[in-house]
């Protein structure tokens, strides 16, 4: 078949048109259908998504002293796709960062674009590495801004603050409970680099600014905290107890002014601490409170009208048979009124007031004082303690619980229970966070004092407070809790330790003193608790061990708070080695 010239031209044009149509379709497919895919691949090749880390908020005390802050550091990482001389680069990196050269080279061999070489590198070290890379015309190593959490006061307040682990995750304390406010939200930016790895700022892409964390201001007063820690340290060294802790609280607002435990740990070096050192025992330990619990039965019996200020109770001359057992007092007391029962810390007098009230009503007051429930402090791990309802009591419980036996409470609950008496009968919610503040100082959230409930009327609380002043006078169980120039009110506690094998541990006691000052207008409530002091058993009483520690802390706290003395100076004697006249009843 012969084709004419026009036919051949037509065929050629058709073929050409078909070819162009195919190519055009392919181009359209690439530019339209595959646009997003290839754009993403191009971005992955030339752009880097860089995280802009949010600054974690600081933790401050009530006066603005920094308790936790951030130290700027760099995270050094490698992009193996940009390296030309990995061996030389590995040697340089190893020398600057203190790493093993072979291990660094192995990481390079993975070919990954983001290989973390070392975190928490000081700024000057990262700059020196970069400068040496430029001199040797090496590339592939970069660094990004980061920060390390530091606690300027070391061990002081460690249990309250908590810490960040090696992954930057909050562990324990305020760091954990206020994580949502402290952490902030990271931002990001897309950046483009030239062939040497330098950022081309002109082509900087989309970015989102970070939302920096907010600062958390605590109710803690570091002046008072330092006093508390120093005195607790001295007692821990001298008495060598298993544990010791103290809580200082403003009874009118529930604000925790100081809180400390021994043993303790340094939140800057949590990896060096043993688990037992890291427990905030003020909120997670359960102890039998001993005679400090007698304020509950006294307040309840007064408020229910079972006794009044003139009622006398026969204390059986020191031996009371009930439920097939003998309940003893340290001395053989006869008739005593409520004031005397508290001053002398009579187990029998307290038990008889509970019997007058009945189990259900007594239990009601135990719960109204805050025992058996979490009080809601802004710290993780708070426990409710253990208070059984009357349906689960045995026949002895009603005579043992009034003296702090057959019940388990936390040190914080004891402090807040005494705060009820110091605060005209009102139970406040304990607070350790005062406010949350933005970076510019603007208040984002303020925590106001919360009245949980009225436990007893002011008149009842005042009567108990007056009796508790007698506890610290000569002849009371806590004469060594006195502070020159001030009226002190408080109560001792001495409880035999529960054995992990059942029953009680012979010769081991948890002793305490909880009191408030000035008694007529309390500015603070202070609990001191010492667990198993290594001293003779006949000396291991709250009035001889914990009360003198209270006195030293309270005297220094009064000076720090600039309290005006309300009483004339009196000669104070140091706590003697032994004194039967200042020995309270043990709840065993």
Protein backbone atom coordinates (compact mmCIF):
# COMPACT_ATOMS: atom_id res chain seq x y z
CA UNK A 1 0.00 0.00 0.00
CA UNK A 2 1.32 3.32 -1.02
CA UNK A 3 0.82 6.33 1.17
CA UNK A 4 0.62 9.76 -0.16
CA UNK A 5 2.69 12.50 1.28
CA UNK A 6 -0.35 13.92 3.10
CA UNK A 7 -1.15 10.52 4.59
CA UNK A 8 2.39 10.06 5.88
CA UNK A 9 2.34 13.53 7.37
CA UNK A 10 -1.00 12.77 9.04
CA UNK A 11 0.29 9.51 10.49
CA UNK A 12 3.44 11.21 11.78
CA UNK A 13 1.41 14.00 13.36
CA UNK A 14 -0.92 11.43 14.96
CA UNK A 15 1.97 9.52 16.46
CA UNK A 16 3.54 12.72 17.73
CA UNK A 17 0.23 13.84 19.16
CA UNK A 18 -0.19 10.49 20.92
CA UNK A 19 3.29 10.72 22.39
CA UNK A 20 2.69 14.25 23.62
CA UNK A 21 -0.69 13.20 25.01
CA UNK A 22 0.94 10.39 27.01
CA UNK A 23 3.66 12.69 28.31
CA UNK A 24 1.10 15.36 29.15
CA UNK A 25 -1.02 12.85 31.01
CA UNK A 26 2.03 11.69 32.89
CA UNK A 27 2.98 15.25 33.80
CA UNK A 28 -0.55 15.98 34.94
CA UNK A 29 -0.50 12.79 37.03
CA UNK A 30 2.80 13.76 38.63
CA UNK A 31 1.84 17.38 39.26
CA UNK A 32 -1.70 16.79 40.44
CA UNK A 33 -2.32 13.25 41.62
CA UNK A 34 1.20 12.72 43.05
CA UNK A 35 1.79 16.29 44.20
CA UNK A 36 1.37 15.70 47.92
CA UNK A 37 3.43 12.51 47.90
CA UNK A 38 6.40 14.01 46.07
CA UNK A 39 6.18 17.25 48.03
CA UNK A 40 6.42 15.20 51.21
CA UNK A 41 9.42 13.28 49.86
CA UNK A 42 11.09 16.54 48.85
CA UNK A 43 10.45 18.01 52.27
CA UNK A 44 11.89 14.94 53.93
CA UNK A 45 14.99 15.32 51.77
CA UNK A 46 15.58 19.02 52.29
CA UNK A 47 13.54 20.10 55.32
CA UNK A 48 13.87 19.20 59.00
CA UNK A 49 11.08 19.43 61.58
CA UNK A 50 12.78 20.91 64.60
CA UNK A 51 11.10 20.73 68.01
CA UNK A 52 11.08 24.01 69.96
CA UNK A 53 11.02 22.83 73.54
CA UNK A 54 8.70 24.59 75.96
CA UNK A 55 10.35 25.89 79.10
CA UNK A 56 9.17 24.08 82.19
CA UNK A 57 7.74 26.42 84.80
CA UNK A 58 9.68 27.17 87.96
CA UNK A 59 8.60 26.21 91.46
CA UNK A 60 8.84 29.05 93.98
CA UNK A 61 8.27 29.42 97.70
CA UNK A 62 5.66 31.87 99.03
CA UNK A 63 8.22 34.72 98.93
CA UNK A 64 9.46 34.01 95.40
CA UNK A 65 12.62 32.05 96.26
CA UNK A 66 13.40 29.61 93.45
CA UNK A 67 13.01 25.97 94.48
CA UNK A 68 13.15 24.33 91.02
CA UNK A 69 14.35 25.85 87.75
CA UNK A 70 15.99 24.98 84.42
CA UNK A 71 19.64 25.05 83.34
CA UNK A 72 20.07 25.55 79.54
CA UNK A 73 21.94 22.69 77.84
CA UNK A 74 22.13 21.18 74.33
CA UNK A 75 21.22 17.80 72.90
CA UNK A 76 23.85 16.78 70.34
CA UNK A 77 22.61 14.61 67.45
CA UNK A 78 23.91 13.33 64.12
CA UNK A 79 22.44 13.21 60.59
CA UNK A 80 24.27 10.31 58.94
CA UNK A 81 22.87 11.23 55.50
CA UNK A 82 24.98 14.42 55.45
CA UNK A 83 28.32 12.91 56.47
CA UNK A 84 31.32 12.71 54.15
CA UNK A 85 34.05 11.66 56.60
CA UNK A 86 32.37 9.60 59.34
CA UNK A 87 35.67 8.28 60.77
CA UNK A 88 37.11 11.74 61.31
CA UNK A 89 33.79 12.97 62.62
CA UNK A 90 33.52 10.09 65.11
CA UNK A 91 36.97 10.88 66.49
CA UNK A 92 36.10 14.56 66.92
CA UNK A 93 32.75 13.85 68.58
CA UNK A 94 34.28 11.28 70.93
CA UNK A 95 36.97 13.71 72.09
CA UNK A 96 34.53 16.57 72.79
CA UNK A 97 31.67 14.59 74.33
CA UNK A 98 33.67 11.97 76.18
CA UNK A 99 32.20 9.08 74.20
CA UNK A 100 33.71 5.87 72.85
CA UNK A 101 34.86 6.44 69.25
CA UNK A 102 33.88 2.95 68.03
CA UNK A 103 30.40 3.23 69.51
CA UNK A 104 29.90 6.61 67.85
CA UNK A 105 30.99 5.19 64.48
CA UNK A 106 28.55 2.28 64.89
CA UNK A 107 25.72 4.77 65.40
CA UNK A 108 26.76 6.62 62.24
CA UNK A 109 26.62 3.37 60.26
CA UNK A 110 22.84 3.13 60.77
CA UNK A 111 22.39 5.89 58.19
CA UNK A 112 19.60 7.51 60.22
CA UNK A 113 18.91 11.22 59.97
CA UNK A 114 18.43 11.76 63.69
CA UNK A 115 20.84 9.96 66.02
CA UNK A 116 21.02 11.28 69.57
CA UNK A 117 24.64 11.20 70.68
CA UNK A 118 24.43 12.88 74.08
CA UNK A 119 21.97 14.90 76.10
CA UNK A 120 22.59 17.61 78.69
CA UNK A 121 25.71 18.89 76.94
CA UNK A 122 26.89 22.29 78.24
CA UNK A 123 26.50 25.16 75.78
CA UNK A 124 30.25 25.82 75.60
CA UNK A 125 30.99 22.18 74.76
CA UNK A 126 28.49 22.15 71.89
CA UNK A 127 29.91 25.43 70.51
CA UNK A 128 33.49 24.14 70.70
CA UNK A 129 32.50 20.96 68.81
CA UNK A 130 30.80 23.00 66.07
CA UNK A 131 33.81 25.32 65.69
CA UNK A 132 36.23 22.41 65.33
CA UNK A 133 33.92 20.82 62.72
CA UNK A 134 34.06 24.01 60.65
CA UNK A 135 37.85 24.15 60.85
CA UNK A 136 38.12 20.54 59.60
CA UNK A 137 35.30 21.05 57.07
CA UNK A 138 33.26 18.23 58.58
CA UNK A 139 29.49 18.11 58.66
CA UNK A 140 26.62 15.98 59.95
CA UNK A 141 26.58 16.90 63.66
CA UNK A 142 23.98 19.29 65.06
CA UNK A 143 22.59 20.35 68.42
CA UNK A 144 19.27 21.60 69.69
CA UNK A 145 18.31 23.62 72.73
CA UNK A 146 17.27 21.68 75.81
CA UNK A 147 17.27 22.17 79.58
CA UNK A 148 18.02 20.17 82.69
CA UNK A 149 15.96 20.54 85.88
CA UNK A 150 17.91 21.72 88.90
CA UNK A 151 16.98 22.13 92.55
CA UNK A 152 19.20 24.85 94.08
CA UNK A 153 18.61 23.79 97.68
CA UNK A 154 19.65 20.16 97.22
CA UNK A 155 18.05 17.83 99.78
CA UNK A 156 15.97 20.60 101.36
CA UNK A 157 12.27 20.07 100.52
CA UNK A 158 13.12 17.13 98.24
CA UNK A 159 10.09 15.07 99.27
CA UNK A 160 7.73 17.95 98.54
CA UNK A 161 9.26 18.97 95.20
CA UNK A 162 9.77 15.55 93.60
CA UNK A 163 12.02 15.35 90.53
CA UNK A 164 12.25 14.59 86.79
CA UNK A 165 13.65 11.26 85.64
CA UNK A 166 16.20 10.78 82.84
CA UNK A 167 13.40 10.94 80.28
CA UNK A 168 12.17 14.26 81.62
CA UNK A 169 9.06 12.69 83.17
CA UNK A 170 7.81 14.04 86.50
CA UNK A 171 8.17 11.73 89.49
CA UNK A 172 6.65 12.43 92.91
CA UNK A 173 5.92 15.69 94.64
CA UNK A 174 4.74 18.96 93.17
CA UNK A 175 6.55 18.16 89.92
CA UNK A 176 4.04 15.33 89.37
CA UNK A 177 0.89 16.78 90.94
CA UNK A 178 1.24 20.08 89.04
CA UNK A 179 2.59 18.56 85.81
CA UNK A 180 -0.21 19.99 83.66
CA UNK A 181 0.68 23.53 84.74
CA UNK A 182 4.47 23.19 84.81
CA UNK A 183 5.08 21.28 81.56
CA UNK A 184 3.80 23.62 78.86
CA UNK A 185 3.48 22.52 75.22
CA UNK A 186 6.37 22.10 72.74
CA UNK A 187 6.33 24.05 69.47
CA UNK A 188 8.08 23.25 66.17
CA UNK A 189 9.52 24.75 63.01
CA UNK A 190 10.43 23.37 59.57
CA UNK A 191 13.92 24.44 58.52
CA UNK A 192 15.99 23.94 55.35
CA UNK A 193 19.72 23.39 55.36
CA UNK A 194 22.40 23.88 52.74
CA UNK A 195 24.76 21.11 51.70
CA UNK A 196 27.03 21.80 54.70
CA UNK A 197 24.15 21.47 57.12
CA UNK A 198 23.73 25.16 57.92
CA UNK A 199 20.17 26.42 58.22
CA UNK A 200 18.97 28.64 55.36
CA UNK A 201 17.09 31.14 57.51
CA UNK A 202 15.59 32.84 54.42
CA UNK A 203 13.65 29.66 53.67
CA UNK A 204 12.52 28.92 57.21
CA UNK A 205 9.12 27.26 56.92
CA UNK A 206 6.00 26.91 59.05
CA UNK A 207 6.51 27.20 62.77
CA UNK A 208 4.41 27.10 65.92
CA UNK A 209 5.62 28.86 69.04
CA UNK A 210 5.82 26.78 72.24
CA UNK A 211 3.53 27.42 75.16
CA UNK A 212 5.89 27.72 78.10
CA UNK A 213 4.94 26.15 81.42
CA UNK A 214 3.57 28.25 84.24
CA UNK A 215 5.33 28.89 87.53
CA UNK A 216 3.92 27.28 90.66
CA UNK A 217 4.19 29.24 93.90
CA UNK A 218 3.99 27.14 97.07
CA UNK A 219 2.77 28.02 100.55
CA UNK A 220 6.18 26.93 101.85
CA UNK A 221 8.28 29.55 103.63
CA UNK A 222 11.92 28.63 103.00
CA UNK A 223 13.03 30.41 106.16
CA UNK A 224 10.80 28.14 108.23
CA UNK A 225 11.67 25.14 106.06
CA UNK A 226 15.39 25.65 106.74
CA UNK A 227 14.74 25.84 110.49
CA UNK A 228 12.66 22.67 110.38
CA UNK A 229 15.25 20.77 108.34
CA UNK A 230 18.19 21.86 110.50
CA UNK A 231 16.53 20.81 113.75
CA UNK A 232 15.27 17.56 112.24
CA UNK A 233 18.79 16.83 110.96
CA UNK A 234 20.25 17.38 114.43
CA UNK A 235 17.64 15.11 116.04
CA UNK A 236 18.14 12.44 113.39
CA UNK A 237 21.88 12.49 114.01
CA UNK A 238 21.61 12.43 117.81
CA UNK A 239 18.72 10.01 118.29
CA UNK A 240 19.41 7.76 115.27
CA UNK A 241 15.72 6.90 114.76
CA UNK A 242 14.39 4.79 111.94
CA UNK A 243 12.50 7.81 110.61
CA UNK A 244 11.54 11.31 111.72
CA UNK A 245 9.23 13.90 110.24
CA UNK A 246 7.73 17.29 111.00
CA UNK A 247 4.90 19.41 109.60
CA UNK A 248 4.37 23.15 110.19
CA UNK A 249 0.97 24.53 109.18
CA UNK A 250 -1.02 27.75 109.45
CA UNK A 251 -4.17 26.50 111.24
CA UNK A 252 -6.32 29.41 110.03
CA UNK A 253 -5.71 28.85 106.31
CA UNK A 254 -4.47 25.25 106.05
CA UNK A 255 -1.28 26.51 104.34
CA UNK A 256 1.68 24.17 104.82
CA UNK A 257 4.57 26.40 105.86
CA UNK A 258 7.19 23.64 106.11
CA UNK A 259 7.33 19.86 105.76
CA UNK A 260 10.31 17.54 106.10
CA UNK A 261 11.18 13.86 106.56
CA UNK A 262 14.23 11.86 107.46
CA UNK A 263 15.81 9.99 105.78
CA UNK A 264 15.79 12.23 102.73
CA UNK A 265 17.32 12.46 99.23
CA UNK A 266 18.70 14.97 96.75
CA UNK A 267 16.28 15.51 93.82
CA UNK A 268 19.27 16.54 91.68
CA UNK A 269 20.61 12.98 92.04
CA UNK A 270 17.58 10.69 92.49
CA UNK A 271 19.48 7.71 91.08
CA UNK A 272 21.69 7.67 94.17
CA UNK A 273 18.76 7.39 96.59
CA UNK A 274 17.27 4.25 98.10
CA UNK A 275 13.48 3.80 97.92
CA UNK A 276 13.10 4.32 101.67
CA UNK A 277 14.78 7.73 101.40
CA UNK A 278 12.32 8.96 98.80
CA UNK A 279 9.09 8.49 100.78
CA UNK A 280 7.20 11.56 101.95
CA UNK A 281 6.22 9.98 105.24
CA UNK A 282 4.07 12.92 106.28
CA UNK A 283 1.38 11.77 103.83
CA UNK A 284 2.07 8.09 103.12
CA UNK A 285 3.01 6.60 106.51
CA UNK A 286 0.34 5.11 108.77
CA UNK A 287 1.06 5.22 112.49
CA UNK A 288 -0.87 4.76 115.69
CA UNK A 289 -1.02 8.35 116.99
CA UNK A 290 -0.86 7.62 120.70
CA UNK A 291 -2.15 10.19 123.18
CA UNK A 292 -2.33 13.04 120.64
CA UNK A 293 -5.64 11.37 119.72
CA UNK A 294 -7.14 12.20 123.14
CA UNK A 295 -8.18 15.65 121.92
CA UNK A 296 -10.80 13.90 119.74
CA UNK A 297 -12.62 12.13 122.58
CA UNK A 298 -12.36 15.14 124.89
CA UNK A 299 -13.79 17.53 122.28
CA UNK A 300 -16.52 15.06 121.34
CA UNK A 301 -17.63 14.33 124.91
CA UNK A 302 -17.73 18.06 125.73
CA UNK A 303 -19.66 18.93 122.59
CA UNK A 304 -22.20 16.13 123.15
CA UNK A 305 -22.80 17.28 126.72
CA UNK A 306 -21.57 14.01 128.23
CA UNK A 307 -19.14 16.01 130.34
CA UNK A 308 -18.56 19.66 131.14
CA UNK A 309 -15.71 21.61 132.68
CA UNK A 310 -16.76 20.57 136.19
CA UNK A 311 -17.45 16.87 135.54
CA UNK A 312 -15.11 14.50 137.34
CA UNK A 313 -14.33 10.97 136.19
CA UNK A 314 -13.01 8.28 138.49
CA UNK A 315 -9.80 6.95 136.92
CA UNK A 316 -9.77 3.73 138.94
CA UNK A 317 -6.47 4.48 140.68
CA UNK A 318 -4.61 3.41 137.55
CA UNK A 319 -6.24 0.02 136.75
CA UNK A 320 -9.50 -0.28 134.83
CA UNK A 321 -10.98 -3.72 134.08
CA UNK A 322 -12.98 -3.73 130.87
CA UNK A 323 -13.67 -6.43 128.27
CA UNK A 324 -11.65 -8.99 130.18
CA UNK A 325 -8.47 -6.86 130.09
CA UNK A 326 -6.85 -4.31 132.37
CA UNK A 327 -6.32 -0.81 131.03
CA UNK A 328 -3.56 0.99 132.91
CA UNK A 329 -2.50 4.55 133.63
CA UNK A 330 1.12 5.38 134.34
CA UNK A 331 0.09 6.73 137.74
CA UNK A 332 -2.80 5.77 140.02
CA UNK A 333 -5.19 8.68 139.46
CA UNK A 334 -8.49 9.04 141.31
CA UNK A 335 -11.16 11.58 140.35
CA UNK A 336 -10.12 13.99 137.58
CA UNK A 337 -11.95 16.53 135.44
CA UNK A 338 -11.49 16.76 131.66
CA UNK A 339 -8.78 19.41 131.99
CA UNK A 340 -6.75 17.15 134.29
CA UNK A 341 -7.33 14.07 132.12
CA UNK A 342 -5.72 15.87 129.16
CA UNK A 343 -2.92 17.39 131.24
CA UNK A 344 -2.04 14.06 132.86
CA UNK A 345 -2.87 12.12 129.65
CA UNK A 346 -5.00 9.54 131.41
CA UNK A 347 -5.83 6.49 129.29
CA UNK A 348 -8.63 5.48 131.67
CA UNK A 349 -10.24 8.91 131.77
CA UNK A 350 -10.20 9.07 127.96
CA UNK A 351 -11.66 5.57 127.64
CA UNK A 352 -14.49 6.42 130.02
CA UNK A 353 -15.40 9.53 128.00
CA UNK A 354 -15.66 7.34 124.89
CA UNK A 355 -17.90 4.90 126.75
CA UNK A 356 -20.16 7.81 127.76
CA UNK A 357 -20.45 8.85 124.10
CA UNK A 358 -20.97 5.36 122.67
CA UNK A 359 -19.15 3.82 119.72
CA UNK A 360 -21.16 5.38 116.89
CA UNK A 361 -20.91 8.93 118.21
CA UNK A 362 -17.21 8.61 119.05
CA UNK A 363 -16.54 7.25 115.56
CA UNK A 364 -18.43 10.23 114.11
CA UNK A 365 -16.04 12.65 115.82
CA UNK A 366 -13.00 10.67 114.70
CA UNK A 367 -14.15 11.14 111.11
CA UNK A 368 -15.16 14.79 111.63
CA UNK A 369 -11.60 15.57 112.74
CA UNK A 370 -10.40 14.29 109.33
CA UNK A 371 -9.09 10.87 110.27
CA UNK A 372 -9.82 8.05 107.84
CA UNK A 373 -9.98 10.29 104.74
CA UNK A 374 -7.63 11.92 102.27
CA UNK A 375 -7.45 15.61 103.10
CA UNK A 376 -6.71 16.63 99.51
CA UNK A 377 -3.24 18.17 99.76
CA UNK A 378 -1.73 18.83 96.31
CA UNK A 379 0.82 16.04 96.61
CA UNK A 380 0.59 12.57 95.03
CA UNK A 381 0.29 9.47 97.16
CA UNK A 382 -1.66 10.79 100.15
CA UNK A 383 -3.39 7.92 101.95
CA UNK A 384 -6.57 8.02 104.07
CA UNK A 385 -5.21 6.03 106.99
CA UNK A 386 -7.29 3.28 108.56
CA UNK A 387 -10.28 3.88 110.82
CA UNK A 388 -12.63 0.92 111.20
CA UNK A 389 -16.36 1.63 111.74
CA UNK A 390 -17.94 0.40 114.99
CA UNK A 391 -19.42 -2.66 113.25
CA UNK A 392 -15.85 -3.96 112.89
CA UNK A 393 -14.65 -3.13 116.41
CA UNK A 394 -13.91 -5.77 119.01
CA UNK A 395 -15.04 -5.31 122.61
CA UNK A 396 -11.81 -3.49 123.54
CA UNK A 397 -11.67 -0.98 120.67
CA UNK A 398 -13.87 1.66 122.32
CA UNK A 399 -11.43 1.88 125.24
CA UNK A 400 -8.24 1.63 123.13
CA UNK A 401 -9.01 4.00 120.25
CA UNK A 402 -9.42 7.12 122.49
CA UNK A 403 -5.75 6.81 123.45
CA UNK A 404 -4.63 6.42 119.84
CA UNK A 405 -4.65 2.64 119.64
CA UNK A 406 -6.51 0.47 117.07
CA UNK A 407 -6.38 3.31 114.55
CA UNK A 408 -3.81 4.29 111.89
CA UNK A 409 -3.35 7.89 110.75
CA UNK A 410 -0.86 10.00 108.82
CA UNK A 411 1.33 12.70 110.39
CA UNK A 412 -0.45 15.30 108.23
CA UNK A 413 -3.81 14.21 109.68
CA UNK A 414 -2.47 14.63 113.23
CA UNK A 415 -1.28 18.18 112.43
CA UNK A 416 -4.59 19.10 110.80
CA UNK A 417 -6.55 17.51 113.67
CA UNK A 418 -4.74 19.75 116.16
CA UNK A 419 -5.38 22.67 113.81
CA UNK A 420 -9.10 22.17 114.49
CA UNK A 421 -8.50 23.10 118.15
CA UNK A 422 -6.21 25.99 117.17
CA UNK A 423 -8.72 27.29 114.61
CA UNK A 424 -11.80 27.64 116.81
CA UNK A 425 -13.17 24.22 115.83
CA UNK A 426 -12.89 24.46 112.03
CA UNK A 427 -11.05 21.89 109.88
CA UNK A 428 -9.22 23.51 106.96
CA UNK A 429 -8.15 21.69 103.82
CA UNK A 430 -4.34 21.47 103.81
CA UNK A 431 -2.75 23.42 100.92
CA UNK A 432 0.80 23.41 99.62
CA UNK A 433 0.13 25.31 96.36
CA UNK A 434 -0.56 29.03 96.77
CA UNK A 435 -0.94 30.07 93.13
CA UNK A 436 -0.09 29.34 89.51
CA UNK A 437 1.52 32.22 87.61
CA UNK A 438 2.30 33.00 83.99
CA UNK A 439 5.84 33.83 82.87
CA UNK A 440 5.14 37.56 83.22
CA UNK A 441 3.96 37.13 86.82
CA UNK A 442 0.26 37.36 86.07
CA UNK A 443 -1.83 35.10 88.34
CA UNK A 444 -3.39 32.27 86.33
CA UNK A 445 -4.92 30.48 89.32
CA UNK A 446 -5.04 31.28 93.02
CA UNK A 447 -5.78 28.67 95.65
CA UNK A 448 -8.03 30.08 98.37
CA UNK A 449 -8.36 28.60 101.89
CA UNK A 450 -11.16 26.02 102.12
CA UNK A 451 -13.10 25.25 105.29
CA UNK A 452 -13.85 21.52 105.10
CA UNK A 453 -16.27 21.55 108.05
CA UNK A 454 -16.96 22.88 111.52
CA UNK A 455 -15.94 20.01 113.77
CA UNK A 456 -16.88 21.50 117.14
CA UNK A 457 -18.08 24.96 118.25
CA UNK A 458 -15.55 27.62 119.18
CA UNK A 459 -16.40 27.29 122.89
CA UNK A 460 -15.50 23.59 122.91
CA UNK A 461 -12.26 24.16 120.98
CA UNK A 462 -11.32 26.95 123.39
CA UNK A 463 -11.85 24.71 126.43
CA UNK A 464 -9.65 21.96 124.96
CA UNK A 465 -7.00 24.55 124.02
CA UNK A 466 -6.90 25.82 127.60
CA UNK A 467 -6.35 22.26 128.84
CA UNK A 468 -3.58 21.76 126.29
CA UNK A 469 -1.77 24.80 127.71
CA UNK A 470 -1.64 22.88 130.98
CA UNK A 471 0.06 19.99 129.18
CA UNK A 472 3.14 22.20 128.64
CA UNK A 473 3.20 23.60 132.18
CA UNK A 474 5.17 22.08 135.08
CA UNK A 475 3.46 18.82 136.01
CA UNK A 476 2.12 18.28 132.50
CA UNK A 477 3.49 15.66 130.11
CA UNK A 478 5.25 18.19 127.87
CA UNK A 479 6.94 20.77 130.07
CA UNK A 480 9.93 20.65 127.72
CA UNK A 481 7.81 21.95 124.84
CA UNK A 482 7.66 25.41 126.42
CA UNK A 483 9.06 28.43 124.57
CA UNK A 484 10.30 31.52 126.38
CA UNK A 485 7.88 34.43 126.10
CA UNK A 486 4.95 32.45 124.71
CA UNK A 487 2.06 30.27 125.80
CA UNK A 488 2.31 26.88 124.12
CA UNK A 489 -0.58 24.42 123.86
CA UNK A 490 -0.13 20.85 122.71
CA UNK A 491 -0.30 17.13 123.31
CA UNK A 492 2.25 14.36 123.57
CA UNK A 493 1.96 10.94 121.99
CA UNK A 494 3.79 7.69 122.67
CA UNK A 495 2.70 4.52 120.86
CA UNK A 496 4.38 1.16 120.77
CA UNK A 497 5.29 0.18 117.21
CA UNK A 498 3.24 -2.44 115.44
CA UNK A 499 5.36 -5.45 114.51
CA UNK A 500 5.27 -6.60 110.86
CA UNK A 501 4.87 -10.12 112.27
CA UNK A 502 1.78 -9.19 114.27
CA UNK A 503 1.35 -7.68 117.71
CA UNK A 504 3.76 -5.04 118.94
CA UNK A 505 7.55 -4.71 118.77
CA UNK A 506 9.10 -4.80 122.21
CA UNK A 507 10.97 -1.63 123.19
CA UNK A 508 10.15 0.24 119.96
CA UNK A 509 8.01 3.40 120.05
CA UNK A 510 6.73 6.15 117.80
CA UNK A 511 6.77 9.32 119.88
CA UNK A 512 5.37 12.72 118.99
CA UNK A 513 4.37 16.16 120.11
CA UNK A 514 1.88 18.35 118.28
CA UNK A 515 1.15 21.86 119.49
CA UNK A 516 0.39 25.45 118.55
CA UNK A 517 1.76 28.87 119.41
CA UNK A 518 0.95 31.48 120.61
CA UNK A 519 -1.85 29.59 122.34
CA UNK A 520 -4.09 32.66 122.56
CA UNK A 521 -3.76 33.50 118.82
CA UNK A 522 -2.08 30.58 117.01
CA UNK A 523 0.20 31.45 114.11
CA UNK A 524 1.29 27.86 113.50
CA UNK A 525 0.69 24.25 114.43
CA UNK A 526 3.77 22.06 114.55
CA UNK A 527 3.99 18.27 114.67
CA UNK A 528 7.25 16.48 115.46
CA UNK A 529 7.32 12.69 115.17
CA UNK A 530 10.24 10.36 115.90
CA UNK A 531 10.08 6.66 115.06
CA UNK A 532 12.19 4.25 117.13
CA UNK A 533 14.82 6.55 118.64
CA UNK A 534 17.87 4.60 119.73
CA UNK A 535 17.64 5.47 123.41
CA UNK A 536 16.65 3.58 126.53
CA UNK A 537 13.04 2.44 126.56
CA UNK A 538 12.33 4.27 129.83
CA UNK A 539 13.31 7.56 128.15
CA UNK A 540 11.43 7.06 124.90
CA UNK A 541 8.41 9.30 125.47
CA UNK A 542 6.93 12.13 123.41
CA UNK A 543 7.43 14.56 126.28
CA UNK A 544 11.15 13.76 126.54
CA UNK A 545 12.04 13.22 122.88
CA UNK A 546 9.67 15.12 120.57
CA UNK A 547 8.69 18.01 122.86
CA UNK A 548 12.23 19.47 123.14
CA UNK A 549 12.58 19.35 119.33
CA UNK A 550 9.25 21.20 119.07
CA UNK A 551 10.53 23.83 121.50
CA UNK A 552 13.69 24.51 119.50
CA UNK A 553 11.83 24.76 116.18
CA UNK A 554 9.03 26.89 117.65
CA UNK A 555 11.46 29.34 119.29
CA UNK A 556 13.32 29.89 116.01
CA UNK A 557 10.04 30.06 114.06
CA UNK A 558 8.77 32.81 116.39
CA UNK A 559 11.87 34.88 115.64
CA UNK A 560 11.53 34.30 111.91
CA UNK A 561 7.86 35.33 111.97
CA UNK A 562 8.71 38.30 114.22
CA UNK A 563 6.14 37.29 116.81
CA UNK A 564 5.85 39.55 119.84
CA UNK A 565 6.31 37.71 123.15
CA UNK A 566 3.21 37.73 125.33
CA UNK A 567 4.68 36.18 128.48
CA UNK A 568 7.58 37.17 130.76
CA UNK A 569 10.80 35.20 130.32
CA UNK A 570 11.08 32.08 132.47
CA UNK A 571 14.03 29.79 133.15
CA UNK A 572 13.75 26.71 130.96
CA UNK A 573 15.51 23.51 131.88
CA UNK A 574 16.97 21.16 129.25
CA UNK A 575 15.19 17.84 128.89
CA UNK A 576 16.57 15.48 131.57
CA UNK A 577 17.75 11.97 130.91
CA UNK A 578 14.73 10.63 132.77
CA UNK A 579 11.76 12.19 134.52
CA UNK A 580 8.72 10.31 135.76
CA UNK A 581 6.85 13.56 136.39
CA UNK A 582 6.80 14.38 132.68
CA UNK A 583 5.95 10.95 131.34
CA UNK A 584 2.70 10.51 129.43
CA UNK A 585 0.72 7.31 129.13
CA UNK A 586 1.78 4.84 126.51
CA UNK A 587 -0.92 3.36 124.32
CA UNK A 588 0.14 -0.24 124.60
